[in-house]
PDB file of all heavy atoms in Angstrom:
ATOM      1  N   THR A   1       3.017   6.418   8.433  1.00  0.00           N
ATOM      2  CA  THR A   1       3.826   6.947   7.347  1.00  0.00           C
ATOM      3  C   THR A   1       3.954   5.910   6.243  1.00  0.00           C
ATOM      4  O   THR A   1       4.348   4.767   6.505  1.00  0.00           O
ATOM      5  CB  THR A   1       5.230   7.346   7.826  1.00  0.00           C
ATOM      6  OG1 THR A   1       5.131   8.315   8.870  1.00  0.00           O
ATOM      7  CG2 THR A   1       6.026   7.953   6.672  1.00  0.00           C
ATOM      8  N   ILE A   2       3.626   6.295   5.015  1.00  0.00           N
ATOM      9  CA  ILE A   2       3.801   5.415   3.873  1.00  0.00           C
ATOM     10  C   ILE A   2       5.118   5.764   3.190  1.00  0.00           C
ATOM     11  O   ILE A   2       5.460   6.936   3.034  1.00  0.00           O
ATOM     12  CB  ILE A   2       2.608   5.526   2.897  1.00  0.00           C
ATOM     13  CG1 ILE A   2       2.710   4.467   1.796  1.00  0.00           C
ATOM     14  CG2 ILE A   2       2.505   6.919   2.299  1.00  0.00           C
ATOM     15  CD1 ILE A   2       1.446   4.370   0.937  1.00  0.00           C
ATOM     16  N   SER A   3       5.871   4.751   2.802  1.00  0.00           N
ATOM     17  CA  SER A   3       7.150   4.961   2.151  1.00  0.00           C
ATOM     18  C   SER A   3       7.452   3.782   1.240  1.00  0.00           C
ATOM     19  O   SER A   3       6.736   2.778   1.244  1.00  0.00           O
ATOM     20  CB  SER A   3       8.271   5.148   3.177  1.00  0.00           C
ATOM     21  OG  SER A   3       8.433   3.989   3.970  1.00  0.00           O
ATOM     22  N   SER A   4       8.518   3.895   0.460  1.00  0.00           N
ATOM     23  CA  SER A   4       8.861   2.825  -0.468  1.00  0.00           C
ATOM     24  C   SER A   4      10.361   2.715  -0.641  1.00  0.00           C
ATOM     25  O   SER A   4      11.112   3.659  -0.387  1.00  0.00           O
ATOM     26  CB  SER A   4       8.198   3.059  -1.830  1.00  0.00           C
ATOM     27  OG  SER A   4       8.657   4.268  -2.416  1.00  0.00           O
ATOM     28  N   ASP A   5      10.785   1.551  -1.074  1.00  0.00           N
ATOM     29  CA  ASP A   5      12.173   1.279  -1.417  1.00  0.00           C
ATOM     30  C   ASP A   5      12.144   0.687  -2.815  1.00  0.00           C
ATOM     31  O   ASP A   5      11.867  -0.500  -2.989  1.00  0.00           O
ATOM     32  CB  ASP A   5      12.809   0.320  -0.419  1.00  0.00           C
ATOM     33  CG  ASP A   5      14.290   0.113  -0.670  1.00  0.00           C
ATOM     34  OD1 ASP A   5      14.757   0.327  -1.803  1.00  0.00           O
ATOM     35  OD2 ASP A   5      15.005  -0.274   0.284  1.00  0.00           O
ATOM     36  N   ASN A   6      12.418   1.506  -3.812  1.00  0.00           N
ATOM     37  CA  ASN A   6      12.318   1.059  -5.195  1.00  0.00           C
ATOM     38  C   ASN A   6      13.283  -0.081  -5.521  1.00  0.00           C
ATOM     39  O   ASN A   6      12.950  -0.972  -6.304  1.00  0.00           O
ATOM     40  CB  ASN A   6      12.573   2.226  -6.151  1.00  0.00           C
ATOM     41  CG  ASN A   6      11.457   3.245  -6.143  1.00  0.00           C
ATOM     42  OD1 ASN A   6      10.397   3.034  -5.546  1.00  0.00           O
ATOM     43  ND2 ASN A   6      11.685   4.369  -6.813  1.00  0.00           N
ATOM     44  N   ALA A   7      14.461  -0.063  -4.931  1.00  0.00           N
ATOM     45  CA  ALA A   7      15.449  -1.098  -5.190  1.00  0.00           C
ATOM     46  C   ALA A   7      14.958  -2.463  -4.738  1.00  0.00           C
ATOM     47  O   ALA A   7      15.370  -3.487  -5.285  1.00  0.00           O
ATOM     48  CB  ALA A   7      16.771  -0.756  -4.510  1.00  0.00           C
ATOM     49  N   LYS A   8      14.103  -2.495  -3.743  1.00  0.00           N
ATOM     50  CA  LYS A   8      13.571  -3.746  -3.214  1.00  0.00           C
ATOM     51  C   LYS A   8      12.139  -4.017  -3.654  1.00  0.00           C
ATOM     52  O   LYS A   8      11.534  -4.994  -3.207  1.00  0.00           O
ATOM     53  CB  LYS A   8      13.641  -3.746  -1.690  1.00  0.00           C
ATOM     54  CG  LYS A   8      15.053  -3.662  -1.131  1.00  0.00           C
ATOM     55  CD  LYS A   8      15.045  -3.694   0.379  1.00  0.00           C
ATOM     56  CE  LYS A   8      16.462  -3.653   0.938  1.00  0.00           C
ATOM     57  NZ  LYS A   8      16.469  -3.681   2.422  1.00  0.00           N
ATOM     58  N   ASN A   9      11.601  -3.159  -4.504  1.00  0.00           N
ATOM     59  CA  ASN A   9      10.214  -3.290  -4.970  1.00  0.00           C
ATOM     60  C   ASN A   9       9.246  -3.405  -3.793  1.00  0.00           C
ATOM     61  O   ASN A   9       8.301  -4.200  -3.823  1.00  0.00           O
ATOM     62  CB  ASN A   9      10.046  -4.499  -5.887  1.00  0.00           C
ATOM     63  CG  ASN A   9      10.734  -4.335  -7.222  1.00  0.00           C
ATOM     64  OD1 ASN A   9      11.214  -3.256  -7.566  1.00  0.00           O
ATOM     65  ND2 ASN A   9      10.785  -5.410  -7.991  1.00  0.00           N
ATOM     66  N   THR A  10       9.475  -2.602  -2.781  1.00  0.00           N
ATOM     67  CA  THR A  10       8.740  -2.765  -1.537  1.00  0.00           C
ATOM     68  C   THR A  10       8.082  -1.468  -1.082  1.00  0.00           C
ATOM     69  O   THR A  10       8.692  -0.397  -1.125  1.00  0.00           O
ATOM     70  CB  THR A  10       9.666  -3.281  -0.426  1.00  0.00           C
ATOM     71  OG1 THR A  10      10.249  -4.524  -0.837  1.00  0.00           O
ATOM     72  CG2 THR A  10       8.893  -3.508   0.861  1.00  0.00           C
ATOM     73  N   LEU A  11       6.852  -1.599  -0.645  1.00  0.00           N
ATOM     74  CA  LEU A  11       6.102  -0.511  -0.037  1.00  0.00           C
ATOM     75  C   LEU A  11       5.985  -0.785   1.458  1.00  0.00           C
ATOM     76  O   LEU A  11       5.809  -1.931   1.870  1.00  0.00           O
ATOM     77  CB  LEU A  11       4.711  -0.419  -0.662  1.00  0.00           C
ATOM     78  CG  LEU A  11       3.807   0.716  -0.192  1.00  0.00           C
ATOM     79  CD1 LEU A  11       4.258   2.044  -0.791  1.00  0.00           C
ATOM     80  CD2 LEU A  11       2.356   0.424  -0.567  1.00  0.00           C
ATOM     81  N   TYR A  12       6.064   0.269   2.255  1.00  0.00           N
ATOM     82  CA  TYR A  12       5.990   0.127   3.700  1.00  0.00           C
ATOM     83  C   TYR A  12       4.879   0.989   4.280  1.00  0.00           C
ATOM     84  O   TYR A  12       4.497   2.023   3.721  1.00  0.00           O
ATOM     85  CB  TYR A  12       7.301   0.549   4.363  1.00  0.00           C
ATOM     86  CG  TYR A  12       8.514  -0.212   3.909  1.00  0.00           C
ATOM     87  CD1 TYR A  12       9.379   0.324   2.956  1.00  0.00           C
ATOM     88  CD2 TYR A  12       8.803  -1.468   4.434  1.00  0.00           C
ATOM     89  CE1 TYR A  12      10.501  -0.372   2.544  1.00  0.00           C
ATOM     90  CE2 TYR A  12       9.923  -2.167   4.025  1.00  0.00           C
ATOM     91  CZ  TYR A  12      10.772  -1.612   3.080  1.00  0.00           C
ATOM     92  OH  TYR A  12      11.883  -2.306   2.673  1.00  0.00           O
ATOM     93  N   LEU A  13       4.385   0.553   5.412  1.00  0.00           N
ATOM     94  CA  LEU A  13       3.500   1.369   6.221  1.00  0.00           C
ATOM     95  C   LEU A  13       4.002   1.310   7.652  1.00  0.00           C
ATOM     96  O   LEU A  13       3.882   0.279   8.314  1.00  0.00           O
ATOM     97  CB  LEU A  13       2.049   0.892   6.150  1.00  0.00           C
ATOM     98  CG  LEU A  13       1.053   1.752   6.933  1.00  0.00           C
ATOM     99  CD1 LEU A  13       0.916   3.131   6.286  1.00  0.00           C
ATOM    100  CD2 LEU A  13      -0.310   1.071   7.022  1.00  0.00           C
ATOM    101  N   GLN A  14       4.593   2.403   8.101  1.00  0.00           N
ATOM    102  CA  GLN A  14       5.038   2.508   9.481  1.00  0.00           C
ATOM    103  C   GLN A  14       3.881   3.011  10.321  1.00  0.00           C
ATOM    104  O   GLN A  14       3.328   4.074  10.052  1.00  0.00           O
ATOM    105  CB  GLN A  14       6.224   3.468   9.591  1.00  0.00           C
ATOM    106  CG  GLN A  14       6.743   3.664  11.007  1.00  0.00           C
ATOM    107  CD  GLN A  14       7.354   2.414  11.581  1.00  0.00           C
ATOM    108  OE1 GLN A  14       8.162   1.758  10.922  1.00  0.00           O
ATOM    109  NE2 GLN A  14       6.977   2.057  12.801  1.00  0.00           N
ATOM    110  N   MET A  15       3.521   2.250  11.335  1.00  0.00           N
ATOM    111  CA  MET A  15       2.388   2.577  12.172  1.00  0.00           C
ATOM    112  C   MET A  15       2.872   2.803  13.598  1.00  0.00           C
ATOM    113  O   MET A  15       3.379   1.886  14.237  1.00  0.00           O
ATOM    114  CB  MET A  15       1.339   1.464  12.136  1.00  0.00           C
ATOM    115  CG  MET A  15       0.837   1.143  10.739  1.00  0.00           C
ATOM    116  SD  MET A  15      -0.425  -0.159  10.733  1.00  0.00           S
ATOM    117  CE  MET A  15       0.593  -1.566  11.196  1.00  0.00           C
ATOM    118  N   ASN A  16       2.721   4.020  14.075  1.00  0.00           N
ATOM    119  CA  ASN A  16       3.119   4.386  15.422  1.00  0.00           C
ATOM    120  C   ASN A  16       1.905   4.795  16.241  1.00  0.00           C
ATOM    121  O   ASN A  16       0.849   5.103  15.702  1.00  0.00           O
ATOM    122  CB  ASN A  16       4.128   5.537  15.390  1.00  0.00           C
ATOM    123  CG  ASN A  16       5.410   5.189  14.681  1.00  0.00           C
ATOM    124  OD1 ASN A  16       5.887   4.060  14.754  1.00  0.00           O
ATOM    125  ND2 ASN A  16       5.999   6.176  14.000  1.00  0.00           N
ATOM    126  N   SER A  17       2.084   4.812  17.544  1.00  0.00           N
ATOM    127  CA  SER A  17       1.017   5.206  18.459  1.00  0.00           C
ATOM    128  C   SER A  17      -0.285   4.483  18.143  1.00  0.00           C
ATOM    129  O   SER A  17      -1.357   5.085  18.057  1.00  0.00           O
ATOM    130  CB  SER A  17       0.806   6.726  18.410  1.00  0.00           C
ATOM    131  OG  SER A  17       1.985   7.417  18.753  1.00  0.00           O
ATOM    132  N   LEU A  18      -0.188   3.188  17.989  1.00  0.00           N
ATOM    133  CA  LEU A  18      -1.341   2.397  17.582  1.00  0.00           C
ATOM    134  C   LEU A  18      -2.441   2.417  18.633  1.00  0.00           C
ATOM    135  O   LEU A  18      -2.179   2.433  19.839  1.00  0.00           O
ATOM    136  CB  LEU A  18      -0.917   0.966  17.285  1.00  0.00           C
ATOM    137  CG  LEU A  18      -0.213   0.783  15.941  1.00  0.00           C
ATOM    138  CD1 LEU A  18       0.549  -0.528  15.905  1.00  0.00           C
ATOM    139  CD2 LEU A  18      -1.229   0.842  14.806  1.00  0.00           C
ATOM    140  N   LYS A  19      -3.668   2.404  18.146  1.00  0.00           N
ATOM    141  CA  LYS A  19      -4.851   2.422  18.978  1.00  0.00           C
ATOM    142  C   LYS A  19      -5.678   1.170  18.717  1.00  0.00           C
ATOM    143  O   LYS A  19      -5.590   0.584  17.643  1.00  0.00           O
ATOM    144  CB  LYS A  19      -5.703   3.659  18.672  1.00  0.00           C
ATOM    145  CG  LYS A  19      -4.976   4.983  18.803  1.00  0.00           C
ATOM    146  CD  LYS A  19      -5.860   6.133  18.345  1.00  0.00           C
ATOM    147  CE  LYS A  19      -5.145   7.462  18.448  1.00  0.00           C
ATOM    148  NZ  LYS A  19      -6.000   8.582  17.977  1.00  0.00           N
ATOM    149  N   PRO A  20      -6.506   0.760  19.671  1.00  0.00           N
ATOM    150  CA  PRO A  20      -7.357  -0.410  19.439  1.00  0.00           C
ATOM    151  C   PRO A  20      -8.217  -0.288  18.191  1.00  0.00           C
ATOM    152  O   PRO A  20      -8.466  -1.295  17.521  1.00  0.00           O
ATOM    153  CB  PRO A  20      -8.216  -0.467  20.705  1.00  0.00           C
ATOM    154  CG  PRO A  20      -7.355   0.130  21.761  1.00  0.00           C
ATOM    155  CD  PRO A  20      -6.610   1.245  21.067  1.00  0.00           C
ATOM    156  N   GLU A  21      -8.650   0.910  17.851  1.00  0.00           N
ATOM    157  CA  GLU A  21      -9.468   1.103  16.665  1.00  0.00           C
ATOM    158  C   GLU A  21      -8.694   0.912  15.365  1.00  0.00           C
ATOM    159  O   GLU A  21      -9.289   0.900  14.285  1.00  0.00           O
ATOM    160  CB  GLU A  21     -10.151   2.478  16.670  1.00  0.00           C
ATOM    161  CG  GLU A  21      -9.203   3.635  16.931  1.00  0.00           C
ATOM    162  CD  GLU A  21      -9.208   4.078  18.380  1.00  0.00           C
ATOM    163  OE1 GLU A  21      -9.180   3.208  19.271  1.00  0.00           O
ATOM    164  OE2 GLU A  21      -9.253   5.306  18.620  1.00  0.00           O
ATOM    165  N   ASP A  22      -7.371   0.773  15.452  1.00  0.00           N
ATOM    166  CA  ASP A  22      -6.566   0.458  14.283  1.00  0.00           C
ATOM    167  C   ASP A  22      -6.604  -1.032  13.956  1.00  0.00           C
ATOM    168  O   ASP A  22      -6.085  -1.441  12.909  1.00  0.00           O
ATOM    169  CB  ASP A  22      -5.113   0.884  14.490  1.00  0.00           C
ATOM    170  CG  ASP A  22      -4.951   2.390  14.600  1.00  0.00           C
ATOM    171  OD1 ASP A  22      -5.609   3.123  13.839  1.00  0.00           O
ATOM    172  OD2 ASP A  22      -4.151   2.832  15.447  1.00  0.00           O
ATOM    173  N   THR A  23      -7.179  -1.824  14.832  1.00  0.00           N
ATOM    174  CA  THR A  23      -7.279  -3.257  14.604  1.00  0.00           C
ATOM    175  C   THR A  23      -8.055  -3.529  13.318  1.00  0.00           C
ATOM    176  O   THR A  23      -9.190  -3.082  13.159  1.00  0.00           O
ATOM    177  CB  THR A  23      -7.960  -3.951  15.786  1.00  0.00           C
ATOM    178  OG1 THR A  23      -7.135  -3.829  16.947  1.00  0.00           O
ATOM    179  CG2 THR A  23      -8.173  -5.427  15.494  1.00  0.00           C
ATOM    180  N   ALA A  24      -7.427  -4.255  12.405  1.00  0.00           N
ATOM    181  CA  ALA A  24      -8.033  -4.517  11.104  1.00  0.00           C
ATOM    182  C   ALA A  24      -7.126  -5.433  10.299  1.00  0.00           C
ATOM    183  O   ALA A  24      -5.987  -5.705  10.686  1.00  0.00           O
ATOM    184  CB  ALA A  24      -8.247  -3.208  10.340  1.00  0.00           C
ATOM    185  N   VAL A  25      -7.653  -5.897   9.180  1.00  0.00           N
ATOM    186  CA  VAL A  25      -6.822  -6.545   8.184  1.00  0.00           C
ATOM    187  C   VAL A  25      -6.367  -5.470   7.216  1.00  0.00           C
ATOM    188  O   VAL A  25      -7.193  -4.746   6.655  1.00  0.00           O
ATOM    189  CB  VAL A  25      -7.577  -7.658   7.435  1.00  0.00           C
ATOM    190  CG1 VAL A  25      -6.692  -8.269   6.358  1.00  0.00           C
ATOM    191  CG2 VAL A  25      -8.039  -8.734   8.409  1.00  0.00           C
ATOM    192  N   TYR A  26      -5.080  -5.360   7.030  1.00  0.00           N
ATOM    193  CA  TYR A  26      -4.506  -4.331   6.175  1.00  0.00           C
ATOM    194  C   TYR A  26      -4.117  -4.924   4.832  1.00  0.00           C
ATOM    195  O   TYR A  26      -3.454  -5.961   4.762  1.00  0.00           O
ATOM    196  CB  TYR A  26      -3.279  -3.708   6.839  1.00  0.00           C
ATOM    197  CG  TYR A  26      -3.628  -2.767   7.963  1.00  0.00           C
ATOM    198  CD1 TYR A  26      -4.133  -3.250   9.168  1.00  0.00           C
ATOM    199  CD2 TYR A  26      -3.479  -1.385   7.820  1.00  0.00           C
ATOM    200  CE1 TYR A  26      -4.481  -2.390  10.192  1.00  0.00           C
ATOM    201  CE2 TYR A  26      -3.815  -0.517   8.840  1.00  0.00           C
ATOM    202  CZ  TYR A  26      -4.317  -1.024  10.026  1.00  0.00           C
ATOM    203  OH  TYR A  26      -4.654  -0.158  11.044  1.00  0.00           O
ATOM    204  N   TYR A  27      -4.522  -4.243   3.761  1.00  0.00           N
ATOM    205  CA  TYR A  27      -4.276  -4.716   2.410  1.00  0.00           C
ATOM    206  C   TYR A  27      -3.408  -3.742   1.633  1.00  0.00           C
ATOM    207  O   TYR A  27      -3.680  -2.541   1.593  1.00  0.00           O
ATOM    208  CB  TYR A  27      -5.593  -4.902   1.655  1.00  0.00           C
ATOM    209  CG  TYR A  27      -6.496  -5.952   2.241  1.00  0.00           C
ATOM    210  CD1 TYR A  27      -7.488  -5.618   3.153  1.00  0.00           C
ATOM    211  CD2 TYR A  27      -6.357  -7.288   1.874  1.00  0.00           C
ATOM    212  CE1 TYR A  27      -8.318  -6.578   3.692  1.00  0.00           C
ATOM    213  CE2 TYR A  27      -7.184  -8.258   2.403  1.00  0.00           C
ATOM    214  CZ  TYR A  27      -8.165  -7.899   3.312  1.00  0.00           C
ATOM    215  OH  TYR A  27      -8.992  -8.858   3.845  1.00  0.00           O
ATOM    216  N   CYS A  28      -2.384  -4.261   1.011  1.00  0.00           N
ATOM    217  CA  CYS A  28      -1.566  -3.488   0.096  1.00  0.00           C
ATOM    218  C   CYS A  28      -2.263  -3.416  -1.254  1.00  0.00           C
ATOM    219  O   CYS A  28      -2.857  -4.396  -1.711  1.00  0.00           O
ATOM    220  CB  CYS A  28      -0.189  -4.151  -0.041  1.00  0.00           C
ATOM    221  SG  CYS A  28       0.932  -3.348  -1.201  1.00  0.00           S
ATOM    222  N   ASN A  29      -2.188  -2.264  -1.899  1.00  0.00           N
ATOM    223  CA  ASN A  29      -2.845  -2.049  -3.183  1.00  0.00           C
ATOM    224  C   ASN A  29      -1.881  -1.446  -4.191  1.00  0.00           C
ATOM    225  O   ASN A  29      -1.076  -0.577  -3.852  1.00  0.00           O
ATOM    226  CB  ASN A  29      -4.045  -1.123  -3.003  1.00  0.00           C
ATOM    227  CG  ASN A  29      -4.600  -0.604  -4.318  1.00  0.00           C
ATOM    228  OD1 ASN A  29      -4.298   0.515  -4.726  1.00  0.00           O
ATOM    229  ND2 ASN A  29      -5.412  -1.417  -4.973  1.00  0.00           N
ATOM    230  N   ALA A  30      -1.973  -1.912  -5.419  1.00  0.00           N
ATOM    231  CA  ALA A  30      -1.213  -1.338  -6.519  1.00  0.00           C
ATOM    232  C   ALA A  30      -2.158  -1.058  -7.672  1.00  0.00           C
ATOM    233  O   ALA A  30      -2.942  -1.926  -8.055  1.00  0.00           O
ATOM    234  CB  ALA A  30      -0.104  -2.281  -6.963  1.00  0.00           C
ATOM    235  N   ARG A  31      -2.084   0.143  -8.211  1.00  0.00           N
ATOM    236  CA  ARG A  31      -2.936   0.538  -9.323  1.00  0.00           C
ATOM    237  C   ARG A  31      -2.063   0.897 -10.517  1.00  0.00           C
ATOM    238  O   ARG A  31      -1.187   1.763 -10.419  1.00  0.00           O
ATOM    239  CB  ARG A  31      -3.819   1.720  -8.928  1.00  0.00           C
ATOM    240  CG  ARG A  31      -4.684   2.264 -10.049  1.00  0.00           C
ATOM    241  CD  ARG A  31      -5.715   3.242  -9.512  1.00  0.00           C
ATOM    242  NE  ARG A  31      -6.741   2.548  -8.750  1.00  0.00           N
ATOM    243  CZ  ARG A  31      -7.785   3.148  -8.183  1.00  0.00           C
ATOM    244  NH1 ARG A  31      -7.914   4.469  -8.284  1.00  0.00           N
ATOM    245  NH2 ARG A  31      -8.680   2.448  -7.515  1.00  0.00           N
ATOM    246  N   VAL A  32      -2.305   0.216 -11.633  1.00  0.00           N
ATOM    247  CA  VAL A  32      -1.534   0.457 -12.844  1.00  0.00           C
ATOM    248  C   VAL A  32      -2.478   0.730 -14.004  1.00  0.00           C
ATOM    249  O   VAL A  32      -3.615   0.250 -14.032  1.00  0.00           O
ATOM    250  CB  VAL A  32      -0.605  -0.721 -13.192  1.00  0.00           C
ATOM    251  CG1 VAL A  32       0.416  -0.939 -12.089  1.00  0.00           C
ATOM    252  CG2 VAL A  32      -1.408  -1.993 -13.423  1.00  0.00           C
ATOM    253  N   ARG A  33      -1.982   1.503 -14.967  1.00  0.00           N
ATOM    254  CA  ARG A  33      -2.756   1.781 -16.159  1.00  0.00           C
ATOM    255  C   ARG A  33      -2.380   0.774 -17.234  1.00  0.00           C
ATOM    256  O   ARG A  33      -1.207   0.631 -17.588  1.00  0.00           O
ATOM    257  CB  ARG A  33      -2.504   3.201 -16.643  1.00  0.00           C
ATOM    258  CG  ARG A  33      -3.383   3.613 -17.815  1.00  0.00           C
ATOM    259  CD  ARG A  33      -3.171   5.070 -18.195  1.00  0.00           C
ATOM    260  NE  ARG A  33      -3.497   5.975 -17.118  1.00  0.00           N
ATOM    261  CZ  ARG A  33      -4.722   6.397 -16.815  1.00  0.00           C
ATOM    262  NH1 ARG A  33      -5.757   5.981 -17.535  1.00  0.00           N
ATOM    263  NH2 ARG A  33      -4.920   7.225 -15.808  1.00  0.00           N
ATOM    264  N   VAL A  34      -3.379   0.082 -17.744  1.00  0.00           N
ATOM    265  CA  VAL A  34      -3.190  -0.941 -18.761  1.00  0.00           C
ATOM    266  C   VAL A  34      -3.927  -0.511 -20.024  1.00  0.00           C
ATOM    267  O   VAL A  34      -5.084  -0.099 -19.951  1.00  0.00           O
ATOM    268  CB  VAL A  34      -3.714  -2.308 -18.289  1.00  0.00           C
ATOM    269  CG1 VAL A  34      -3.526  -3.357 -19.376  1.00  0.00           C
ATOM    270  CG2 VAL A  34      -3.015  -2.734 -17.011  1.00  0.00           C
ATOM    271  N   PRO A  35      -3.253  -0.610 -21.195  1.00  0.00           N
ATOM    272  CA  PRO A  35      -3.928  -0.229 -22.443  1.00  0.00           C
ATOM    273  C   PRO A  35      -5.257  -0.940 -22.614  1.00  0.00           C
ATOM    274  O   PRO A  35      -5.365  -2.154 -22.390  1.00  0.00           O
ATOM    275  CB  PRO A  35      -2.924  -0.661 -23.513  1.00  0.00           C
ATOM    276  CG  PRO A  35      -1.597  -0.561 -22.845  1.00  0.00           C
ATOM    277  CD  PRO A  35      -1.855  -0.988 -21.423  1.00  0.00           C
ATOM    278  N   TYR A  36      -6.272  -0.179 -22.985  1.00  0.00           N
ATOM    279  CA  TYR A  36      -7.630  -0.652 -23.240  1.00  0.00           C
ATOM    280  C   TYR A  36      -8.398  -1.006 -21.960  1.00  0.00           C
ATOM    281  O   TYR A  36      -9.624  -0.876 -21.922  1.00  0.00           O
ATOM    282  CB  TYR A  36      -7.641  -1.849 -24.199  1.00  0.00           C
ATOM    283  CG  TYR A  36      -6.993  -1.562 -25.522  1.00  0.00           C
ATOM    284  CD1 TYR A  36      -5.720  -2.044 -25.817  1.00  0.00           C
ATOM    285  CD2 TYR A  36      -7.651  -0.801 -26.473  1.00  0.00           C
ATOM    286  CE1 TYR A  36      -5.117  -1.763 -27.028  1.00  0.00           C
ATOM    287  CE2 TYR A  36      -7.050  -0.514 -27.689  1.00  0.00           C
ATOM    288  CZ  TYR A  36      -5.782  -0.998 -27.952  1.00  0.00           C
ATOM    289  OH  TYR A  36      -5.190  -0.712 -29.162  1.00  0.00           O
ATOM    290  N   SER A  37      -7.705  -1.458 -20.943  1.00  0.00           N
ATOM    291  CA  SER A  37      -8.367  -1.854 -19.705  1.00  0.00           C
ATOM    292  C   SER A  37      -8.477  -0.715 -18.700  1.00  0.00           C
ATOM    293  O   SER A  37      -9.239  -0.811 -17.743  1.00  0.00           O
ATOM    294  CB  SER A  37      -7.632  -3.034 -19.067  1.00  0.00           C
ATOM    295  OG  SER A  37      -7.650  -4.171 -19.908  1.00  0.00           O
ATOM    296  N   GLY A  38      -7.720   0.321 -18.902  1.00  0.00           N
ATOM    297  CA  GLY A  38      -7.725   1.425 -17.965  1.00  0.00           C
ATOM    298  C   GLY A  38      -6.936   1.096 -16.705  1.00  0.00           C
ATOM    299  O   GLY A  38      -5.939   0.381 -16.751  1.00  0.00           O
ATOM    300  N   LEU A  39      -7.396   1.604 -15.587  1.00  0.00           N
ATOM    301  CA  LEU A  39      -6.726   1.365 -14.322  1.00  0.00           C
ATOM    302  C   LEU A  39      -7.116   0.010 -13.755  1.00  0.00           C
ATOM    303  O   LEU A  39      -8.291  -0.336 -13.698  1.00  0.00           O
ATOM    304  CB  LEU A  39      -7.073   2.467 -13.321  1.00  0.00           C
ATOM    305  CG  LEU A  39      -6.594   3.869 -13.687  1.00  0.00           C
ATOM    306  CD1 LEU A  39      -7.150   4.888 -12.701  1.00  0.00           C
ATOM    307  CD2 LEU A  39      -5.075   3.924 -13.705  1.00  0.00           C
ATOM    308  N   VAL A  40      -6.114  -0.741 -13.333  1.00  0.00           N
ATOM    309  CA  VAL A  40      -6.323  -2.077 -12.790  1.00  0.00           C
ATOM    310  C   VAL A  40      -5.706  -2.152 -11.399  1.00  0.00           C
ATOM    311  O   VAL A  40      -4.561  -1.749 -11.205  1.00  0.00           O
ATOM    312  CB  VAL A  40      -5.709  -3.157 -13.692  1.00  0.00           C
ATOM    313  CG1 VAL A  40      -5.875  -4.536 -13.062  1.00  0.00           C
ATOM    314  CG2 VAL A  40      -6.355  -3.127 -15.066  1.00  0.00           C
ATOM    315  N   ASP A  41      -6.469  -2.667 -10.455  1.00  0.00           N
ATOM    316  CA  ASP A  41      -6.019  -2.794  -9.069  1.00  0.00           C
ATOM    317  C   ASP A  41      -5.573  -4.211  -8.759  1.00  0.00           C
ATOM    318  O   ASP A  41      -6.218  -5.182  -9.151  1.00  0.00           O
ATOM    319  CB  ASP A  41      -7.131  -2.410  -8.102  1.00  0.00           C
ATOM    320  CG  ASP A  41      -7.364  -0.921  -8.032  1.00  0.00           C
ATOM    321  OD1 ASP A  41      -6.378  -0.176  -7.864  1.00  0.00           O
ATOM    322  OD2 ASP A  41      -8.532  -0.501  -8.142  1.00  0.00           O
TER     323      ASP A  41
END
C-alpha cells in the first residue's frame, strides 16, 4: 500500500505478506513539472 503524510512531507510503502521475490533495492521517486525542462525525476 502506498500512502503519504503531507504534514511530514513523507511517502510510505507498507509491505505485507512479503515474499523472497520481493527482495530488492527499493527507490523512492518524485516527478515534478519544471518550466522549459518538462518532467524531472
